All heavy atoms as atom14 arrays in JSON, in Angstrom:
{
  "sequence": "AGISGSGGTTIYADFVKGRFTISRDNAKNTVYLQMNSLKP",
  "atom14_mask": [
    [1, 1, 1, 1, 1, 0, 0, 0, 0, 0, 0, 0, 0, 0],
    [1, 1, 1, 1, 0, 0, 0, 0, 0, 0, 0, 0, 0, 0],
    [1, 1, 1, 1, 1, 1, 1, 1, 0, 0, 0, 0, 0, 0],
    [1, 1, 1, 1, 1, 1, 0, 0, 0, 0, 0, 0, 0, 0],
    [1, 1, 1, 1, 0, 0, 0, 0, 0, 0, 0, 0, 0, 0],
    [1, 1, 1, 1, 1, 1, 0, 0, 0, 0, 0, 0, 0, 0],
    [1, 1, 1, 1, 0, 0, 0, 0, 0, 0, 0, 0, 0, 0],
    [1, 1, 1, 1, 0, 0, 0, 0, 0, 0, 0, 0, 0, 0],
    [1, 1, 1, 1, 1, 1, 1, 0, 0, 0, 0, 0, 0, 0],
    [1, 1, 1, 1, 1, 1, 1, 0, 0, 0, 0, 0, 0, 0],
    [1, 1, 1, 1, 1, 1, 1, 1, 0, 0, 0, 0, 0, 0],
    [1, 1, 1, 1, 1, 1, 1, 1, 1, 1, 1, 1, 0, 0],
    [1, 1, 1, 1, 1, 0, 0, 0, 0, 0, 0, 0, 0, 0],
    [1, 1, 1, 1, 1, 1, 1, 1, 0, 0, 0, 0, 0, 0],
    [1, 1, 1, 1, 1, 1, 1, 1, 1, 1, 1, 0, 0, 0],
    [1, 1, 1, 1, 1, 1, 1, 0, 0, 0, 0, 0, 0, 0],
    [1, 1, 1, 1, 1, 1, 1, 1, 1, 0, 0, 0, 0, 0],
    [1, 1, 1, 1, 0, 0, 0, 0, 0, 0, 0, 0, 0, 0],
    [1, 1, 1, 1, 1, 1, 1, 1, 1, 1, 1, 0, 0, 0],
    [1, 1, 1, 1, 1, 1, 1, 1, 1, 1, 1, 0, 0, 0],
    [1, 1, 1, 1, 1, 1, 1, 0, 0, 0, 0, 0, 0, 0],
    [1, 1, 1, 1, 1, 1, 1, 1, 0, 0, 0, 0, 0, 0],
    [1, 1, 1, 1, 1, 1, 0, 0, 0, 0, 0, 0, 0, 0],
    [1, 1, 1, 1, 1, 1, 1, 1, 1, 1, 1, 0, 0, 0],
    [1, 1, 1, 1, 1, 1, 1, 1, 0, 0, 0, 0, 0, 0],
    [1, 1, 1, 1, 1, 1, 1, 1, 0, 0, 0, 0, 0, 0],
    [1, 1, 1, 1, 1, 0, 0, 0, 0, 0, 0, 0, 0, 0],
    [1, 1, 1, 1, 1, 1, 1, 1, 1, 0, 0, 0, 0, 0],
    [1, 1, 1, 1, 1, 1, 1, 1, 0, 0, 0, 0, 0, 0],
    [1, 1, 1, 1, 1, 1, 1, 0, 0, 0, 0, 0, 0, 0],
    [1, 1, 1, 1, 1, 1, 1, 0, 0, 0, 0, 0, 0, 0],
    [1, 1, 1, 1, 1, 1, 1, 1, 1, 1, 1, 1, 0, 0],
    [1, 1, 1, 1, 1, 1, 1, 1, 0, 0, 0, 0, 0, 0],
    [1, 1, 1, 1, 1, 1, 1, 1, 1, 0, 0, 0, 0, 0],
    [1, 1, 1, 1, 1, 1, 1, 1, 0, 0, 0, 0, 0, 0],
    [1, 1, 1, 1, 1, 1, 1, 1, 0, 0, 0, 0, 0, 0],
    [1, 1, 1, 1, 1, 1, 0, 0, 0, 0, 0, 0, 0, 0],
    [1, 1, 1, 1, 1, 1, 1, 1, 0, 0, 0, 0, 0, 0],
    [1, 1, 1, 1, 1, 1, 1, 1, 1, 0, 0, 0, 0, 0],
    [1, 1, 1, 1, 1, 1, 1, 0, 0, 0, 0, 0, 0, 0]
  ],
  "atom14_positions": [
    [[67.62, 109.46, 159.26], [68.94, 109.97, 158.92], [68.89, 110.63, 157.56], [68.09, 110.27, 156.71], [69.98, 108.85, 158.93], [0.0, 0.0, 0.0], [0.0, 0.0, 0.0], [0.0, 0.0, 0.0], [0.0, 0.0, 0.0], [0.0, 0.0, 0.0], [0.0, 0.0, 0.0], [0.0, 0.0, 0.0], [0.0, 0.0, 0.0], [0.0, 0.0, 0.0]],
    [[69.79, 111.59, 157.33], [69.86, 112.26, 156.04], [71.29, 112.59, 155.67], [72.15, 112.73, 156.54], [0.0, 0.0, 0.0], [0.0, 0.0, 0.0], [0.0, 0.0, 0.0], [0.0, 0.0, 0.0], [0.0, 0.0, 0.0], [0.0, 0.0, 0.0], [0.0, 0.0, 0.0], [0.0, 0.0, 0.0], [0.0, 0.0, 0.0], [0.0, 0.0, 0.0]],
    [[71.52, 112.75, 154.37], [72.85, 113.05, 153.87], [72.74, 114.05, 152.73], [71.82, 113.99, 151.91], [73.58, 111.76, 153.43], [75.05, 112.03, 153.11], [72.87, 111.1, 152.25], [75.89, 110.75, 153.01], [0.0, 0.0, 0.0], [0.0, 0.0, 0.0], [0.0, 0.0, 0.0], [0.0, 0.0, 0.0], [0.0, 0.0, 0.0], [0.0, 0.0, 0.0]],
    [[73.68, 114.98, 152.66], [73.69, 115.98, 151.61], [74.1, 115.36, 150.28], [74.59, 114.23, 150.2], [74.66, 117.11, 151.98], [75.99, 116.62, 152.07], [0.0, 0.0, 0.0], [0.0, 0.0, 0.0], [0.0, 0.0, 0.0], [0.0, 0.0, 0.0], [0.0, 0.0, 0.0], [0.0, 0.0, 0.0], [0.0, 0.0, 0.0], [0.0, 0.0, 0.0]],
    [[73.88, 116.13, 149.2], [74.22, 115.62, 147.88], [75.67, 115.23, 147.73], [75.99, 114.23, 147.1], [0.0, 0.0, 0.0], [0.0, 0.0, 0.0], [0.0, 0.0, 0.0], [0.0, 0.0, 0.0], [0.0, 0.0, 0.0], [0.0, 0.0, 0.0], [0.0, 0.0, 0.0], [0.0, 0.0, 0.0], [0.0, 0.0, 0.0], [0.0, 0.0, 0.0]],
    [[76.56, 116.01, 148.31], [77.99, 115.73, 148.23], [78.43, 114.64, 149.18], [79.53, 114.09, 149.02], [78.78, 117.0, 148.52], [78.64, 117.37, 149.89], [0.0, 0.0, 0.0], [0.0, 0.0, 0.0], [0.0, 0.0, 0.0], [0.0, 0.0, 0.0], [0.0, 0.0, 0.0], [0.0, 0.0, 0.0], [0.0, 0.0, 0.0], [0.0, 0.0, 0.0]],
    [[77.62, 114.34, 150.18], [78.01, 113.41, 151.23], [78.78, 114.05, 152.37], [79.15, 113.36, 153.32], [0.0, 0.0, 0.0], [0.0, 0.0, 0.0], [0.0, 0.0, 0.0], [0.0, 0.0, 0.0], [0.0, 0.0, 0.0], [0.0, 0.0, 0.0], [0.0, 0.0, 0.0], [0.0, 0.0, 0.0], [0.0, 0.0, 0.0], [0.0, 0.0, 0.0]],
    [[79.0, 115.35, 152.29], [79.81, 116.02, 153.29], [79.1, 116.31, 154.6], [79.78, 116.62, 155.6], [0.0, 0.0, 0.0], [0.0, 0.0, 0.0], [0.0, 0.0, 0.0], [0.0, 0.0, 0.0], [0.0, 0.0, 0.0], [0.0, 0.0, 0.0], [0.0, 0.0, 0.0], [0.0, 0.0, 0.0], [0.0, 0.0, 0.0], [0.0, 0.0, 0.0]],
    [[77.78, 116.25, 154.61], [77.02, 116.55, 155.8], [76.02, 115.43, 156.06], [75.32, 114.99, 155.13], [76.27, 117.89, 155.67], [77.21, 118.93, 155.4], [75.52, 118.21, 156.95], [0.0, 0.0, 0.0], [0.0, 0.0, 0.0], [0.0, 0.0, 0.0], [0.0, 0.0, 0.0], [0.0, 0.0, 0.0], [0.0, 0.0, 0.0], [0.0, 0.0, 0.0]],
    [[75.93, 114.98, 157.3], [74.94, 113.99, 157.7], [74.2, 114.47, 158.92], [74.75, 115.19, 159.76], [75.58, 112.63, 157.99], [76.56, 112.77, 159.01], [76.23, 112.05, 156.74], [0.0, 0.0, 0.0], [0.0, 0.0, 0.0], [0.0, 0.0, 0.0], [0.0, 0.0, 0.0], [0.0, 0.0, 0.0], [0.0, 0.0, 0.0], [0.0, 0.0, 0.0]],
    [[72.94, 114.09, 159.04], [72.13, 114.4, 160.2], [71.4, 113.14, 160.64], [71.08, 112.28, 159.81], [71.12, 115.54, 159.94], [70.23, 115.23, 158.71], [71.85, 116.87, 159.74], [69.14, 116.26, 158.47], [0.0, 0.0, 0.0], [0.0, 0.0, 0.0], [0.0, 0.0, 0.0], [0.0, 0.0, 0.0], [0.0, 0.0, 0.0], [0.0, 0.0, 0.0]],
    [[71.14, 113.03, 161.95], [70.54, 111.83, 162.52], [69.5, 112.17, 163.56], [69.62, 113.17, 164.28], [71.6, 110.96, 163.19], [72.65, 110.41, 162.26], [73.84, 111.08, 162.05], [72.44, 109.21, 161.6], [74.81, 110.57, 161.2], [73.4, 108.7, 160.74], [74.59, 109.38, 160.55], [75.54, 108.87, 159.7], [0.0, 0.0, 0.0], [0.0, 0.0, 0.0]],
    [[68.48, 111.33, 163.64], [67.58, 111.38, 164.77], [68.32, 110.95, 166.03], [69.21, 110.1, 165.97], [66.37, 110.48, 164.53], [0.0, 0.0, 0.0], [0.0, 0.0, 0.0], [0.0, 0.0, 0.0], [0.0, 0.0, 0.0], [0.0, 0.0, 0.0], [0.0, 0.0, 0.0], [0.0, 0.0, 0.0], [0.0, 0.0, 0.0], [0.0, 0.0, 0.0]],
    [[67.93, 111.51, 167.17], [68.62, 111.18, 168.41], [68.58, 109.69, 168.73], [69.53, 109.15, 169.3], [68.01, 111.98, 169.57], [68.39, 113.44, 169.55], [69.36, 113.81, 168.86], [67.72, 114.24, 170.25], [0.0, 0.0, 0.0], [0.0, 0.0, 0.0], [0.0, 0.0, 0.0], [0.0, 0.0, 0.0], [0.0, 0.0, 0.0], [0.0, 0.0, 0.0]],
    [[67.51, 109.03, 168.38], [67.35, 107.63, 168.78], [68.22, 106.66, 168.0], [68.29, 105.48, 168.34], [65.87, 107.21, 168.72], [65.2, 107.41, 167.4], [65.38, 106.51, 166.36], [64.38, 108.51, 167.18], [64.75, 106.7, 165.14], [63.75, 108.71, 165.97], [63.94, 107.8, 164.94], [0.0, 0.0, 0.0], [0.0, 0.0, 0.0], [0.0, 0.0, 0.0]],
    [[68.9, 107.14, 166.94], [69.8, 106.27, 166.19], [71.25, 106.75, 166.22], [72.13, 106.02, 165.73], [69.35, 106.09, 164.73], [67.94, 105.53, 164.67], [69.45, 107.4, 163.95], [0.0, 0.0, 0.0], [0.0, 0.0, 0.0], [0.0, 0.0, 0.0], [0.0, 0.0, 0.0], [0.0, 0.0, 0.0], [0.0, 0.0, 0.0], [0.0, 0.0, 0.0]],
    [[71.49, 107.92, 166.76], [72.84, 108.48, 166.75], [73.81, 107.55, 167.48], [73.56, 107.09, 168.59], [72.83, 109.86, 167.39], [74.06, 110.7, 167.08], [73.86, 112.15, 167.52], [72.73, 112.81, 166.74], [72.58, 114.25, 167.12], [0.0, 0.0, 0.0], [0.0, 0.0, 0.0], [0.0, 0.0, 0.0], [0.0, 0.0, 0.0], [0.0, 0.0, 0.0]],
    [[74.93, 107.25, 166.82], [75.9, 106.34, 167.38], [75.68, 104.89, 167.01], [76.57, 104.06, 167.24], [0.0, 0.0, 0.0], [0.0, 0.0, 0.0], [0.0, 0.0, 0.0], [0.0, 0.0, 0.0], [0.0, 0.0, 0.0], [0.0, 0.0, 0.0], [0.0, 0.0, 0.0], [0.0, 0.0, 0.0], [0.0, 0.0, 0.0], [0.0, 0.0, 0.0]],
    [[74.51, 104.57, 166.43], [74.22, 103.21, 166.02], [74.09, 103.06, 164.51], [74.5, 102.06, 163.94], [72.91, 102.71, 166.68], [72.96, 102.69, 168.2], [71.74, 101.99, 168.76], [70.5, 102.7, 168.43], [69.46, 102.15, 167.79], [69.5, 100.87, 167.43], [68.37, 102.86, 167.55], [0.0, 0.0, 0.0], [0.0, 0.0, 0.0], [0.0, 0.0, 0.0]],
    [[73.49, 104.07, 163.87], [73.26, 104.03, 162.43], [74.23, 104.98, 161.73], [74.6, 106.02, 162.28], [71.84, 104.47, 162.07], [70.74, 103.53, 162.53], [70.99, 102.44, 163.34], [69.44, 103.76, 162.1], [69.98, 101.59, 163.74], [68.41, 102.91, 162.49], [68.68, 101.83, 163.31], [0.0, 0.0, 0.0], [0.0, 0.0, 0.0], [0.0, 0.0, 0.0]],
    [[74.6, 104.64, 160.51], [75.45, 105.49, 159.69], [74.86, 105.58, 158.28], [74.59, 104.55, 157.65], [76.88, 104.95, 159.6], [77.43, 104.84, 160.92], [77.76, 105.9, 158.78], [0.0, 0.0, 0.0], [0.0, 0.0, 0.0], [0.0, 0.0, 0.0], [0.0, 0.0, 0.0], [0.0, 0.0, 0.0], [0.0, 0.0, 0.0], [0.0, 0.0, 0.0]],
    [[74.67, 106.8, 157.8], [74.23, 107.01, 156.44], [75.44, 107.42, 155.6], [76.28, 108.19, 156.05], [73.1, 108.06, 156.36], [72.53, 108.15, 154.94], [73.57, 109.42, 156.86], [71.26, 108.99, 154.85], [0.0, 0.0, 0.0], [0.0, 0.0, 0.0], [0.0, 0.0, 0.0], [0.0, 0.0, 0.0], [0.0, 0.0, 0.0], [0.0, 0.0, 0.0]],
    [[75.53, 106.89, 154.4], [76.64, 107.2, 153.51], [76.15, 107.12, 152.07], [75.04, 106.63, 151.81], [77.82, 106.25, 153.73], [77.46, 104.91, 153.45], [0.0, 0.0, 0.0], [0.0, 0.0, 0.0], [0.0, 0.0, 0.0], [0.0, 0.0, 0.0], [0.0, 0.0, 0.0], [0.0, 0.0, 0.0], [0.0, 0.0, 0.0], [0.0, 0.0, 0.0]],
    [[76.96, 107.6, 151.14], [76.56, 107.52, 149.74], [77.76, 107.3, 148.85], [78.89, 107.7, 149.15], [75.77, 108.77, 149.31], [76.56, 110.06, 149.27], [75.62, 111.26, 149.08], [74.86, 111.17, 147.85], [73.69, 111.79, 147.63], [73.14, 112.53, 148.6], [73.07, 111.66, 146.46], [0.0, 0.0, 0.0], [0.0, 0.0, 0.0], [0.0, 0.0, 0.0]],
    [[77.48, 106.65, 147.73], [78.46, 106.42, 146.68], [77.85, 106.99, 145.41], [77.04, 106.33, 144.75], [78.76, 104.94, 146.53], [79.85, 104.66, 145.51], [80.17, 105.54, 144.71], [80.37, 103.52, 145.52], [0.0, 0.0, 0.0], [0.0, 0.0, 0.0], [0.0, 0.0, 0.0], [0.0, 0.0, 0.0], [0.0, 0.0, 0.0], [0.0, 0.0, 0.0]],
    [[78.22, 108.21, 145.08], [77.58, 108.88, 143.95], [77.94, 108.24, 142.61], [77.18, 108.36, 141.64], [77.94, 110.37, 143.94], [77.18, 111.14, 145.01], [76.22, 110.63, 145.58], [77.62, 112.36, 145.29], [0.0, 0.0, 0.0], [0.0, 0.0, 0.0], [0.0, 0.0, 0.0], [0.0, 0.0, 0.0], [0.0, 0.0, 0.0], [0.0, 0.0, 0.0]],
    [[79.08, 107.55, 142.54], [79.43, 106.84, 141.32], [78.45, 105.71, 141.04], [78.26, 105.31, 139.88], [80.85, 106.29, 141.4], [0.0, 0.0, 0.0], [0.0, 0.0, 0.0], [0.0, 0.0, 0.0], [0.0, 0.0, 0.0], [0.0, 0.0, 0.0], [0.0, 0.0, 0.0], [0.0, 0.0, 0.0], [0.0, 0.0, 0.0], [0.0, 0.0, 0.0]],
    [[77.82, 105.18, 142.09], [76.83, 104.12, 141.95], [75.4, 104.62, 142.12], [74.47, 103.81, 142.11], [77.1, 103.0, 142.96], [78.44, 102.31, 142.79], [78.63, 101.22, 143.84], [79.94, 100.5, 143.65], [80.14, 99.45, 144.68], [0.0, 0.0, 0.0], [0.0, 0.0, 0.0], [0.0, 0.0, 0.0], [0.0, 0.0, 0.0], [0.0, 0.0, 0.0]],
    [[75.23, 105.92, 142.29], [73.9, 106.51, 142.52], [73.18, 105.82, 143.68], [71.97, 105.57, 143.62], [73.05, 106.44, 141.26], [73.5, 107.39, 140.18], [74.41, 108.2, 140.37], [72.86, 107.31, 139.02], [0.0, 0.0, 0.0], [0.0, 0.0, 0.0], [0.0, 0.0, 0.0], [0.0, 0.0, 0.0], [0.0, 0.0, 0.0], [0.0, 0.0, 0.0]],
    [[73.91, 105.53, 144.74], [73.37, 104.72, 145.83], [73.66, 105.36, 147.18], [74.76, 105.87, 147.4], [73.95, 103.3, 145.79], [73.64, 102.7, 144.52], [73.35, 102.45, 146.9], [0.0, 0.0, 0.0], [0.0, 0.0, 0.0], [0.0, 0.0, 0.0], [0.0, 0.0, 0.0], [0.0, 0.0, 0.0], [0.0, 0.0, 0.0], [0.0, 0.0, 0.0]],
    [[72.68, 105.32, 148.06], [72.81, 105.73, 149.45], [72.57, 104.52, 150.33], [71.7, 103.7, 150.06], [71.82, 106.87, 149.78], [71.8, 107.14, 151.28], [72.2, 108.13, 149.03], [0.0, 0.0, 0.0], [0.0, 0.0, 0.0], [0.0, 0.0, 0.0], [0.0, 0.0, 0.0], [0.0, 0.0, 0.0], [0.0, 0.0, 0.0], [0.0, 0.0, 0.0]],
    [[73.34, 104.42, 151.41], [73.27, 103.28, 152.31], [72.87, 103.74, 153.71], [73.2, 104.85, 154.13], [74.63, 102.58, 152.4], [75.19, 102.16, 151.07], [76.11, 102.96, 150.41], [74.81, 100.96, 150.48], [76.63, 102.59, 149.18], [75.32, 100.59, 149.26], [76.24, 101.39, 148.61], [76.75, 101.02, 147.39], [0.0, 0.0, 0.0], [0.0, 0.0, 0.0]],
    [[72.2, 102.86, 154.41], [71.94, 103.04, 155.83], [72.47, 101.79, 156.55], [71.86, 100.72, 156.45], [70.46, 103.25, 156.12], [70.12, 103.52, 157.6], [70.7, 104.87, 158.03], [68.62, 103.49, 157.83], [0.0, 0.0, 0.0], [0.0, 0.0, 0.0], [0.0, 0.0, 0.0], [0.0, 0.0, 0.0], [0.0, 0.0, 0.0], [0.0, 0.0, 0.0]],
    [[73.58, 101.94, 157.22], [74.15, 100.86, 158.02], [73.56, 100.93, 159.42], [73.72, 101.95, 160.11], [75.67, 100.97, 158.08], [76.34, 99.9, 158.93], [76.21, 98.52, 158.34], [76.43, 98.33, 157.15], [75.84, 97.55, 159.16], [0.0, 0.0, 0.0], [0.0, 0.0, 0.0], [0.0, 0.0, 0.0], [0.0, 0.0, 0.0], [0.0, 0.0, 0.0]],
    [[72.89, 99.88, 159.84], [72.19, 99.86, 161.12], [72.86, 98.82, 162.01], [72.82, 97.62, 161.72], [70.71, 99.53, 160.92], [70.0, 100.48, 159.96], [68.22, 100.19, 159.87], [68.21, 98.59, 159.08], [0.0, 0.0, 0.0], [0.0, 0.0, 0.0], [0.0, 0.0, 0.0], [0.0, 0.0, 0.0], [0.0, 0.0, 0.0], [0.0, 0.0, 0.0]],
    [[73.48, 99.27, 163.08], [74.13, 98.41, 164.05], [73.42, 98.49, 165.39], [72.66, 99.41, 165.65], [75.6, 98.82, 164.22], [76.4, 98.71, 162.95], [76.17, 97.83, 162.12], [77.38, 99.59, 162.79], [0.0, 0.0, 0.0], [0.0, 0.0, 0.0], [0.0, 0.0, 0.0], [0.0, 0.0, 0.0], [0.0, 0.0, 0.0], [0.0, 0.0, 0.0]],
    [[73.7, 97.54, 166.26], [73.12, 97.5, 167.59], [71.62, 97.68, 167.55], [71.04, 98.46, 168.31], [73.77, 98.57, 168.48], [75.17, 98.4, 168.56], [0.0, 0.0, 0.0], [0.0, 0.0, 0.0], [0.0, 0.0, 0.0], [0.0, 0.0, 0.0], [0.0, 0.0, 0.0], [0.0, 0.0, 0.0], [0.0, 0.0, 0.0], [0.0, 0.0, 0.0]],
    [[70.97, 96.94, 166.69], [69.54, 97.09, 166.49], [68.75, 96.69, 167.73], [69.12, 95.76, 168.45], [69.08, 96.27, 165.29], [69.42, 96.92, 163.94], [69.36, 95.89, 162.83], [68.45, 98.07, 163.66], [0.0, 0.0, 0.0], [0.0, 0.0, 0.0], [0.0, 0.0, 0.0], [0.0, 0.0, 0.0], [0.0, 0.0, 0.0], [0.0, 0.0, 0.0]],
    [[67.66, 97.4, 167.96], [66.77, 97.19, 169.09], [65.38, 96.82, 168.6], [65.01, 97.19, 167.49], [66.67, 98.46, 169.94], [68.0, 99.03, 170.41], [67.78, 100.36, 171.1], [69.09, 100.95, 171.57], [68.88, 102.28, 172.22], [0.0, 0.0, 0.0], [0.0, 0.0, 0.0], [0.0, 0.0, 0.0], [0.0, 0.0, 0.0], [0.0, 0.0, 0.0]],
    [[64.59, 96.11, 169.41], [63.22, 95.81, 168.98], [62.42, 97.04, 168.59], [61.59, 96.96, 167.68], [62.62, 95.11, 170.21], [63.8, 94.46, 170.86], [64.94, 95.43, 170.67], [0.0, 0.0, 0.0], [0.0, 0.0, 0.0], [0.0, 0.0, 0.0], [0.0, 0.0, 0.0], [0.0, 0.0, 0.0], [0.0, 0.0, 0.0], [0.0, 0.0, 0.0]]
  ]
}
């Protein structure tokens, strides 16, 4: 997954779309990857 500097654009691999979410908090200089419905 990837996210633009502003956070306005995100891109995902097909195998995680709908399960993972990438986000960022620029005030904290931090990017997150929330992973749900994880598979082996």
